[in-house]
Amino acid sequence: MLAWVLVPFYYRSGVFTMPEFLERRFSPTARWILSLVSLVAYVFTKVSVTVYAGGVVIATLMPELRLFGLDSFWTGAVAVVLITGVYTMVGGLRAVVYTDALQTLVLILGSLSLTVIGLSNLGGWQELRATCGSQMFNLWRPASDPEFPWPGMLFAAPIVGLWYWCTDQYIVQRTLAARNLTIARRGAIFGSYLKLTPVFLFIIPGMIAYALNQKGMITLSRPDQAFPELVSQLLPPGIRGLVVGGLLAALMSSLSGLFNSCSTLFTVDIYKKYRPEAPERELVQVGRAATAVVVLLGLLWIPAMKLVSGALYEYLQSVQAYLAPPMTAVFFMGVFWKRLNGPGAVAALVLGFVVGMAKLACQVYAGLLPDPELASGLASALVWFGTINFLKFCVFLFIFCAAVLTVVSLLTPPPDPKQIQNLTYATVTGEGRQEIRSSWNRWDVLHTAVVLSLILGAYLYFTG
């Protein structure tokens, strides 16, 4: 979707950030709102989750590590932030891109070795299926499932995925830095191949950890420790170092991209509006300061994460399900329907963000109560709202945002045709269509078909 649907519009518009694209398609107000929402999202998702994961890895593998009175968890967390910050500040986006490329190889090779050794210790693939049972190999659980009902998996996962992979500055900044539209598209297609590897790098190792724990071959105290525990208990020292390096490289890669995108968002979309004549040196310093503030807020939020969910993965998916719907609705509907305008986009972004954050706040509130089931009156209503399944809520919130965007746009004047020239499918000029067509060939189509076939095959295999 990024390669074929949105990249042509991003590239032709010549923008540096996603909020800048919204300004051109809708209004300056939409740009401001998306910039602020994106920075808040970084606090709740990328910073807190990545730093927490780094702390868990260090605490599991080196529990005796101490530094300046901090325990091993916080020592690891702070170390990951500081090391990543140094090379990101020195090298900028170029350092992010090159280190990402190198770290990808380390991560894939190291994690694949863990999958192979884990299966060997367990007794093979059939033993994994037998130990885990058919339910764990089935993506489609009953609609009444409290955690992952199939309607939520079918509809909510694409809503979150389309936001994250197609509209988030953290991801899309790589395509914006491409030399031309062809490279931008092919980079996204290649990224889709890489995105298939987590099935073998994380999902299957997680199932192996569960199976080994069931057999008493390893000991797991909580789900978040599955990967580092496999590393520490199964791998020999040499390979163990490779895998730990790969995992930490992945975490640092995530943080480095975050640092760069956070700095770009704040300087280009917020600070430059106040000081359009600010020199580049000042912009760099302000960007670093803004990034430091976001990272600090993310660190402070970490203790509250367990109130949302006890498992890191479910926490991340929950928060993203509350943030994604308004942005997915505005970007995708805005590209496909030229009648949508600035007031509609602003209303959808603001109301969607408020409702999503209200859901998160109620979920934290429910987590603070010793027994949420005993709540009554207003407290009972807040607990009920906070405990709605996050996947179902994501679908409801998307429908709400789409309705707000549509109704407000239809009740207000249409956008100026000159403003949206080449920014929607209906307003692309003949020259623009020719440029897009000349940027791809049959090999791009073939690789896209291969990726889609692999995805379909995975869905069919993991259907009980």
Protein backbone atom coordinates (compact mmCIF):
# COMPACT_ATOMS: atom_id res chain seq x y z
CA MET A 1 0.00 0.00 0.00
CA LEU A 2 2.84 2.39 0.78
CA ALA A 3 4.69 1.53 -2.43
CA TRP A 4 1.76 1.70 -4.83
CA VAL A 5 -0.84 3.99 -3.25
CA LEU A 6 0.78 6.71 -1.15
CA VAL A 7 4.44 6.99 -2.15
CA PRO A 8 3.59 8.60 -5.54
CA PHE A 9 1.67 11.37 -3.78
CA TYR A 10 4.30 11.88 -1.11
CA TYR A 11 7.13 11.99 -3.62
CA ARG A 12 5.44 14.30 -6.11
CA SER A 13 4.43 16.74 -3.37
CA GLY A 14 8.10 17.17 -2.36
CA VAL A 15 7.35 17.10 1.38
CA PHE A 16 9.78 16.29 4.19
CA THR A 17 7.21 15.15 6.76
CA MET A 18 3.78 13.58 6.91
CA PRO A 19 2.22 16.61 8.64
CA GLU A 20 3.56 18.74 5.76
CA PHE A 21 1.65 16.52 3.33
CA LEU A 22 -1.55 17.02 5.35
CA GLU A 23 -1.05 20.78 5.17
CA ARG A 24 -0.91 20.64 1.39
CA ARG A 25 -3.89 18.29 1.13
CA PHE A 26 -6.06 19.85 3.86
CA SER A 27 -4.87 22.83 5.94
CA PRO A 28 -2.06 24.20 8.17
CA THR A 29 -4.16 23.33 11.23
CA ALA A 30 -4.23 19.67 10.24
CA ARG A 31 -0.43 19.78 9.99
CA TRP A 32 -0.06 21.17 13.50
CA ILE A 33 -2.42 18.64 15.00
CA LEU A 34 -0.76 15.67 13.32
CA SER A 35 2.68 16.89 14.44
CA LEU A 36 1.59 17.09 18.08
CA VAL A 37 -0.28 13.77 17.91
CA SER A 38 2.76 12.07 16.37
CA LEU A 39 5.05 13.33 19.13
CA VAL A 40 2.61 12.13 21.79
CA ALA A 41 2.38 8.77 20.03
CA TYR A 42 6.18 8.48 20.17
CA VAL A 43 6.05 8.83 23.95
CA PHE A 44 3.42 6.11 24.41
CA THR A 45 4.71 3.66 21.80
CA LYS A 46 8.15 3.88 20.26
CA VAL A 47 10.19 5.36 23.10
CA SER A 48 8.61 3.55 26.04
CA VAL A 49 8.27 0.19 24.28
CA THR A 50 11.75 0.14 22.74
CA VAL A 51 13.50 1.29 25.90
CA TYR A 52 11.50 -1.16 27.99
CA ALA A 53 12.46 -4.00 25.65
CA GLY A 54 16.13 -3.05 25.90
CA GLY A 55 15.87 -3.05 29.68
CA VAL A 56 14.25 -6.49 29.70
CA VAL A 57 17.01 -7.94 27.51
CA ILE A 58 19.80 -6.59 29.72
CA ALA A 59 18.01 -7.53 32.95
CA THR A 60 17.46 -11.11 31.76
CA LEU A 61 20.96 -11.70 30.41
CA MET A 62 22.93 -9.65 32.95
CA PRO A 63 20.82 -9.49 36.14
CA GLU A 64 23.79 -8.46 38.29
CA LEU A 65 24.63 -5.39 36.22
CA ARG A 66 24.48 -2.14 38.22
CA LEU A 67 25.40 1.43 37.34
CA PHE A 68 25.05 4.57 39.49
CA GLY A 69 22.61 2.82 41.79
CA LEU A 70 20.31 1.70 38.94
CA ASP A 71 19.26 -1.94 38.67
CA SER A 72 20.01 -4.00 35.56
CA PHE A 73 16.71 -3.08 33.87
CA TRP A 74 17.19 0.68 34.07
CA THR A 75 20.93 0.40 33.38
CA GLY A 76 20.18 -1.41 30.13
CA ALA A 77 17.39 0.98 29.23
CA VAL A 78 19.49 4.11 29.73
CA ALA A 79 22.52 2.57 27.98
CA VAL A 80 20.49 1.79 24.85
CA VAL A 81 19.22 5.39 24.74
CA LEU A 82 22.63 6.99 25.22
CA ILE A 83 24.52 4.81 22.72
CA THR A 84 21.86 5.25 20.06
CA GLY A 85 21.65 8.98 20.68
CA VAL A 86 25.37 9.48 20.10
CA TYR A 87 25.57 7.97 16.63
CA THR A 88 22.22 9.42 15.56
CA MET A 89 23.21 12.97 16.52
CA VAL A 90 26.58 12.62 14.81
CA GLY A 91 25.36 11.07 11.56
CA GLY A 92 21.72 12.14 11.13
CA LEU A 93 19.40 10.24 8.76
CA ARG A 94 22.36 8.91 6.76
CA ALA A 95 23.69 7.18 9.89
CA VAL A 96 20.21 5.80 10.58
CA VAL A 97 19.89 4.32 7.08
CA TYR A 98 23.35 2.73 6.95
CA THR A 99 23.26 1.32 10.48
CA ASP A 100 19.76 -0.04 9.83
CA ALA A 101 21.06 -1.93 6.80
CA LEU A 102 23.96 -3.49 8.73
CA GLN A 103 21.88 -4.27 11.82
CA THR A 104 19.23 -5.98 9.72
CA LEU A 105 21.70 -8.66 8.65
CA VAL A 106 22.86 -9.24 12.22
CA LEU A 107 19.30 -9.46 13.51
CA ILE A 108 18.07 -11.87 10.85
CA LEU A 109 21.04 -14.25 11.02
CA GLY A 110 21.15 -14.25 14.79
CA SER A 111 17.44 -14.75 15.31
CA LEU A 112 17.17 -17.46 12.65
CA SER A 113 19.91 -19.38 14.45
CA LEU A 114 17.79 -19.16 17.62
CA THR A 115 14.77 -20.56 15.76
CA VAL A 116 16.77 -23.49 14.36
CA ILE A 117 18.46 -24.35 17.69
CA GLY A 118 15.19 -23.96 19.58
CA LEU A 119 13.36 -26.34 17.25
CA SER A 120 16.25 -28.80 17.51
CA ASN A 121 16.09 -28.78 21.31
CA LEU A 122 12.33 -29.18 21.25
CA GLY A 123 12.36 -32.09 18.81
CA GLY A 124 11.23 -30.52 15.56
CA TRP A 125 8.24 -28.77 14.02
CA GLN A 126 5.73 -31.54 14.68
CA GLU A 127 6.64 -31.55 18.36
CA LEU A 128 6.08 -27.78 18.42
CA ARG A 129 2.60 -28.22 16.94
CA ALA A 130 1.78 -31.03 19.33
CA THR A 131 2.91 -29.11 22.42
CA CYS A 132 1.35 -25.78 21.54
CA GLY A 133 -1.94 -27.25 20.32
CA SER A 134 -4.10 -26.23 17.40
CA GLN A 135 -5.37 -23.03 19.04
CA MET A 136 -1.92 -21.43 19.10
CA PHE A 137 -1.52 -22.19 15.38
CA ASN A 138 -4.84 -20.56 14.54
CA LEU A 139 -5.02 -16.82 13.79
CA TRP A 140 -8.80 -16.86 13.72
CA ARG A 141 -10.21 -17.22 17.22
CA PRO A 142 -13.94 -17.02 18.04
CA ALA A 143 -15.60 -13.59 17.96
CA SER A 144 -16.14 -13.95 21.72
CA ASP A 145 -12.41 -14.38 22.44
CA PRO A 146 -11.48 -11.76 25.08
CA GLU A 147 -8.05 -11.00 23.61
CA PHE A 148 -7.94 -11.58 19.83
CA PRO A 149 -11.45 -12.03 18.34
CA TRP A 150 -11.37 -12.76 14.61
CA PRO A 151 -13.35 -9.62 13.56
CA GLY A 152 -10.74 -7.52 15.32
CA MET A 153 -7.88 -9.39 13.67
CA LEU A 154 -9.52 -9.03 10.26
CA PHE A 155 -10.39 -5.31 10.42
CA ALA A 156 -8.34 -3.68 13.19
CA ALA A 157 -4.94 -5.06 12.16
CA PRO A 158 -5.11 -3.37 8.71
CA ILE A 159 -6.19 -0.07 10.31
CA VAL A 160 -3.15 -0.05 12.58
CA GLY A 161 -0.87 -1.38 9.84
CA LEU A 162 -1.92 1.22 7.30
CA TRP A 163 -1.24 4.00 9.79
CA TYR A 164 2.12 2.65 10.89
CA TRP A 165 3.57 1.60 7.53
CA CYS A 166 2.01 4.22 5.28
CA THR A 167 1.57 7.46 7.25
CA ASP A 168 3.98 7.41 10.20
CA GLN A 169 6.98 9.72 9.81
CA TYR A 170 9.20 7.16 11.55
CA ILE A 171 8.69 4.71 8.67
CA VAL A 172 7.89 6.91 5.69
CA GLN A 173 10.95 9.17 6.13
CA ARG A 174 13.01 6.44 4.42
CA THR A 175 10.96 6.71 1.23
CA LEU A 176 11.01 10.51 1.38
CA ALA A 177 14.82 10.37 1.32
CA ALA A 178 14.92 8.25 -1.86
CA ARG A 179 16.62 9.68 -4.96
CA ASN A 180 13.59 9.05 -7.16
CA LEU A 181 10.11 7.52 -7.18
CA THR A 182 11.32 4.17 -8.51
CA ILE A 183 13.78 3.71 -5.65
CA ALA A 184 11.19 4.85 -3.10
CA ARG A 185 8.72 2.24 -4.35
CA ARG A 186 11.26 -0.58 -4.57
CA GLY A 187 12.58 0.23 -1.12
CA ALA A 188 9.06 -0.19 0.26
CA ILE A 189 8.58 -3.48 -1.62
CA PHE A 190 11.92 -4.78 -0.30
CA GLY A 191 10.84 -3.69 3.18
CA SER A 192 7.72 -5.84 2.79
CA TYR A 193 9.93 -8.87 2.18
CA LEU A 194 11.86 -8.08 5.37
CA LYS A 195 8.60 -7.65 7.27
CA LEU A 196 7.76 -11.29 6.58
CA THR A 197 10.81 -12.45 8.56
CA PRO A 198 9.43 -11.71 12.06
CA VAL A 199 7.30 -14.84 11.68
CA PHE A 200 10.57 -16.78 11.97
CA LEU A 201 12.47 -14.26 14.09
CA PHE A 202 9.96 -13.61 16.88
CA ILE A 203 6.62 -15.41 16.53
CA ILE A 204 7.92 -18.95 16.13
CA PRO A 205 10.67 -18.45 18.77
CA GLY A 206 7.93 -17.24 21.11
CA MET A 207 5.96 -20.42 20.46
CA ILE A 208 9.14 -22.47 20.98
CA ALA A 209 9.67 -20.72 24.33
CA TYR A 210 6.10 -21.56 25.33
CA ALA A 211 6.55 -25.21 24.33
CA LEU A 212 9.89 -25.56 26.12
CA ASN A 213 8.37 -23.98 29.23
CA GLN A 214 5.48 -26.46 29.08
CA LYS A 215 8.00 -29.29 28.97
CA GLY A 216 10.03 -27.84 31.84
CA MET A 217 13.12 -27.39 29.65
CA ILE A 218 13.32 -23.63 30.36
CA THR A 219 11.74 -21.39 32.99
CA LEU A 220 9.68 -18.31 32.10
CA SER A 221 8.39 -15.97 34.78
CA ARG A 222 6.55 -13.68 32.31
CA PRO A 223 5.93 -13.54 28.53
CA ASP A 224 8.25 -10.58 27.90
CA GLN A 225 11.24 -12.70 28.88
CA ALA A 226 10.65 -15.39 26.24
CA PHE A 227 13.21 -14.24 23.69
CA PRO A 228 16.08 -13.33 26.05
CA GLU A 229 15.48 -16.49 28.10
CA LEU A 230 15.80 -18.62 24.98
CA VAL A 231 19.06 -16.86 24.22
CA SER A 232 20.50 -17.28 27.71
CA GLN A 233 19.38 -20.88 28.26
CA LEU A 234 19.77 -22.48 24.83
CA LEU A 235 22.56 -20.84 22.87
CA PRO A 236 26.30 -21.41 23.24
CA PRO A 237 28.39 -18.33 24.16
CA GLY A 238 29.51 -17.36 20.63
CA ILE A 239 26.08 -17.55 19.02
CA ARG A 240 24.52 -16.03 22.14
CA GLY A 241 26.58 -12.88 21.64
CA LEU A 242 25.53 -12.71 18.00
CA VAL A 243 21.84 -12.96 18.84
CA VAL A 244 22.04 -10.45 21.70
CA GLY A 245 23.87 -8.11 19.37
CA GLY A 246 21.16 -8.58 16.75
CA LEU A 247 18.34 -7.91 19.18
CA LEU A 248 19.99 -4.85 20.66
CA ALA A 249 20.78 -3.70 17.13
CA ALA A 250 17.08 -3.91 16.27
CA LEU A 251 16.15 -1.89 19.34
CA MET A 252 18.81 0.71 18.62
CA SER A 253 17.68 0.83 14.99
CA SER A 254 14.15 1.63 16.15
CA LEU A 255 15.40 4.34 18.49
CA SER A 256 17.71 5.89 15.91
CA GLY A 257 14.86 6.23 13.42
CA LEU A 258 12.70 7.68 16.19
CA PHE A 259 15.31 10.26 17.16
CA ASN A 260 15.65 11.46 13.59
CA SER A 261 11.93 11.58 12.84
CA CYS A 262 11.15 13.29 16.16
CA SER A 263 13.73 15.98 15.48
CA THR A 264 12.43 16.49 11.94
CA LEU A 265 8.80 16.70 13.04
CA PHE A 266 9.45 19.27 15.72
CA THR A 267 11.81 21.51 13.78
CA VAL A 268 10.11 21.43 10.37
CA ASP A 269 6.46 21.33 11.44
CA ILE A 270 6.46 23.33 14.68
CA TYR A 271 9.57 25.38 15.43
CA LYS A 272 10.10 26.64 11.87
CA LYS A 273 6.59 28.08 11.92
CA TYR A 274 7.63 30.33 14.82
CA ARG A 275 11.11 31.08 13.48
CA PRO A 276 11.15 30.66 9.69
CA GLU A 277 14.55 32.38 9.45
CA ALA A 278 16.25 30.22 12.09
CA PRO A 279 19.71 29.03 10.97
CA GLU A 280 20.35 25.34 10.46
CA ARG A 281 22.55 25.07 13.55
CA GLU A 282 19.73 26.38 15.72
CA LEU A 283 17.26 23.95 14.15
CA VAL A 284 19.60 21.04 14.89
CA GLN A 285 19.97 22.07 18.54
CA VAL A 286 16.23 22.58 18.97
CA GLY A 287 15.54 19.22 17.35
CA ARG A 288 17.91 17.48 19.75
CA ALA A 289 16.31 19.20 22.73
CA ALA A 290 12.81 18.20 21.59
CA THR A 291 13.95 14.62 21.10
CA ALA A 292 15.45 14.56 24.60
CA VAL A 293 12.14 15.73 26.07
CA VAL A 294 10.19 13.04 24.20
CA VAL A 295 12.65 10.36 25.36
CA LEU A 296 12.45 11.56 28.97
CA LEU A 297 8.64 11.45 28.90
CA GLY A 298 8.81 7.96 27.44
CA LEU A 299 11.07 6.83 30.29
CA LEU A 300 8.68 8.31 32.86
CA TRP A 301 5.75 6.49 31.23
CA ILE A 302 7.34 3.04 31.48
CA PRO A 303 6.06 2.28 35.04
CA ALA A 304 2.48 2.94 33.88
CA MET A 305 2.67 0.50 30.97
CA LYS A 306 1.83 -2.51 33.14
CA LEU A 307 -1.46 -0.85 34.11
CA VAL A 308 -2.54 -1.08 30.46
CA SER A 309 -1.39 -4.67 29.87
CA GLY A 310 0.89 -7.17 31.54
CA ALA A 311 2.57 -8.15 28.27
CA LEU A 312 4.64 -5.74 26.19
CA TYR A 313 3.21 -6.88 22.85
CA GLU A 314 -0.40 -6.43 23.94
CA TYR A 315 0.42 -3.03 25.42
CA LEU A 316 1.92 -1.85 22.14
CA GLN A 317 -0.99 -3.13 20.05
CA SER A 318 -3.52 -1.60 22.45
CA VAL A 319 -2.04 1.89 22.39
CA GLN A 320 -1.55 1.81 18.61
CA ALA A 321 -5.18 0.76 18.21
CA TYR A 322 -6.21 3.96 20.03
CA LEU A 323 -3.91 6.24 18.02
CA ALA A 324 -4.14 4.85 14.49
CA PRO A 325 -7.81 5.19 13.38
CA PRO A 326 -8.05 8.98 12.90
CA MET A 327 -4.77 9.17 10.97
CA THR A 328 -5.61 6.17 8.78
CA ALA A 329 -9.01 7.65 7.96
CA VAL A 330 -7.67 11.12 7.11
CA PHE A 331 -4.76 9.98 4.92
CA PHE A 332 -6.47 7.24 2.93
CA MET A 333 -9.85 8.83 2.52
CA GLY A 334 -8.14 12.11 1.68
CA VAL A 335 -6.24 10.52 -1.21
CA PHE A 336 -9.27 8.71 -2.65
CA TRP A 337 -11.97 11.38 -2.18
CA LYS A 338 -11.30 14.93 -3.33
CA ARG A 339 -14.42 16.37 -1.60
CA LEU A 340 -12.91 15.96 1.88
CA ASN A 341 -11.58 19.23 3.27
CA GLY A 342 -9.54 20.83 6.06
CA PRO A 343 -12.33 21.28 8.64
CA GLY A 344 -13.30 17.62 8.26
CA ALA A 345 -9.71 16.46 8.68
CA VAL A 346 -9.19 18.64 11.76
CA ALA A 347 -12.42 17.43 13.36
CA ALA A 348 -11.57 13.77 12.73
CA LEU A 349 -7.99 14.12 14.03
CA VAL A 350 -8.98 16.01 17.18
CA LEU A 351 -12.04 13.98 18.15
CA GLY A 352 -10.36 10.69 17.27
CA PHE A 353 -7.31 11.54 19.38
CA VAL A 354 -9.45 12.67 22.34
CA VAL A 355 -11.57 9.52 22.28
CA GLY A 356 -8.51 7.29 21.90
CA MET A 357 -6.67 8.92 24.79
CA ALA A 358 -9.84 8.71 26.90
CA LYS A 359 -9.87 4.96 26.29
CA LEU A 360 -6.21 4.71 27.33
CA ALA A 361 -6.84 6.79 30.46
CA CYS A 362 -9.80 4.62 31.45
CA GLN A 363 -7.71 1.50 30.90
CA VAL A 364 -5.00 2.87 33.20
CA TYR A 365 -7.67 3.80 35.75
CA ALA A 366 -9.07 0.26 35.67
CA GLY A 367 -5.55 -1.07 36.19
CA LEU A 368 -5.12 1.08 39.30
CA LEU A 369 -8.21 -0.35 41.00
CA PRO A 370 -7.61 -3.34 43.31
CA ASP A 371 -10.78 -5.01 41.98
CA PRO A 372 -12.34 -3.28 38.96
CA GLU A 373 -15.38 -5.58 39.05
CA LEU A 374 -16.49 -3.99 42.34
CA ALA A 375 -16.64 -0.48 40.86
CA SER A 376 -20.03 1.24 40.78
CA GLY A 377 -21.60 4.39 39.34
CA LEU A 378 -19.26 6.56 37.29
CA ALA A 379 -16.31 4.35 38.21
CA SER A 380 -18.13 1.35 36.77
CA ALA A 381 -18.74 3.21 33.49
CA LEU A 382 -15.07 4.21 33.26
CA VAL A 383 -13.97 0.63 33.91
CA TRP A 384 -16.38 -0.68 31.28
CA PHE A 385 -15.05 1.80 28.71
CA GLY A 386 -11.46 1.02 29.65
CA THR A 387 -11.90 -2.74 29.34
CA ILE A 388 -13.48 -2.83 25.86
CA ASN A 389 -11.38 -5.13 23.69
CA PHE A 390 -8.73 -2.98 21.99
CA LEU A 391 -9.24 -4.56 18.56
CA LYS A 392 -12.99 -4.01 18.58
CA PHE A 393 -12.50 -0.47 19.87
CA CYS A 394 -10.08 0.23 17.02
CA VAL A 395 -12.75 -0.67 14.45
CA PHE A 396 -15.40 1.42 16.23
CA LEU A 397 -13.05 4.40 16.45
CA PHE A 398 -12.16 4.17 12.76
CA ILE A 399 -15.84 4.17 11.78
CA PHE A 400 -16.43 7.15 14.07
CA CYS A 401 -13.51 9.12 12.59
CA ALA A 402 -14.53 8.29 9.02
CA ALA A 403 -18.08 9.49 9.78
CA VAL A 404 -16.85 12.73 11.37
CA LEU A 405 -14.50 13.38 8.44
CA THR A 406 -17.29 12.82 5.92
CA VAL A 407 -20.09 14.75 7.66
CA VAL A 408 -18.02 17.81 8.54
CA SER A 409 -16.53 17.95 5.04
CA LEU A 410 -19.95 17.75 3.38
CA LEU A 411 -21.33 20.49 5.66
CA THR A 412 -18.49 22.88 4.81
CA PRO A 413 -17.20 24.27 1.48
CA PRO A 414 -15.16 21.95 -0.76
CA PRO A 415 -11.39 22.44 -1.01
CA ASP A 416 -9.88 24.70 -3.66
CA PRO A 417 -9.19 22.56 -6.78
CA LYS A 418 -5.77 24.20 -7.18
CA GLN A 419 -4.81 23.24 -3.62
CA ILE A 420 -5.43 19.52 -4.14
CA GLN A 421 -3.92 19.30 -7.64
CA ASN A 422 -1.96 16.01 -7.86
CA LEU A 423 -2.81 15.20 -4.23
CA THR A 424 -5.79 12.92 -4.91
CA TYR A 425 -6.38 10.27 -7.54
CA ALA A 426 -9.12 12.34 -9.14
CA THR A 427 -6.89 15.41 -9.54
CA VAL A 428 -3.69 13.84 -10.89
CA THR A 429 -2.76 15.48 -14.20
CA GLY A 430 -1.85 13.58 -17.34
CA GLU A 431 1.81 14.47 -16.79
CA GLY A 432 1.61 13.15 -13.26
CA ARG A 433 0.05 9.88 -14.38
CA GLN A 434 2.79 9.43 -16.96
CA GLU A 435 5.50 10.03 -14.36
CA ILE A 436 3.95 7.46 -12.03
CA ARG A 437 3.58 4.90 -14.83
CA SER A 438 7.17 5.30 -15.96
CA SER A 439 8.46 4.66 -12.43
CA TRP A 440 7.61 0.93 -12.36
CA ASN A 441 7.89 -2.14 -14.56
CA ARG A 442 6.81 -5.77 -14.57
CA TRP A 443 9.45 -6.73 -11.99
CA ASP A 444 7.88 -4.41 -9.42
CA VAL A 445 4.51 -6.01 -10.11
CA LEU A 446 6.01 -9.51 -9.89
CA HIS A 447 7.66 -8.88 -6.52
CA THR A 448 4.47 -7.36 -5.18
CA ALA A 449 2.56 -10.48 -6.28
CA VAL A 450 5.14 -12.71 -4.58
CA VAL A 451 4.82 -10.78 -1.30
CA LEU A 452 1.01 -10.98 -1.41
CA SER A 453 1.19 -14.70 -2.16
CA LEU A 454 3.49 -15.30 0.82
CA ILE A 455 1.15 -13.35 3.08
CA LEU A 456 -1.86 -15.32 1.85
CA GLY A 457 0.06 -18.56 2.33
CA ALA A 458 0.89 -17.64 5.94
CA TYR A 459 -2.75 -16.82 6.65
CA LEU A 460 -3.91 -20.11 5.19
CA TYR A 461 -1.29 -22.14 7.07
CA PHE A 462 -2.16 -20.54 10.40
CA THR A 463 -5.85 -21.23 10.02
CA GLY A 464 -7.11 -24.03 12.20
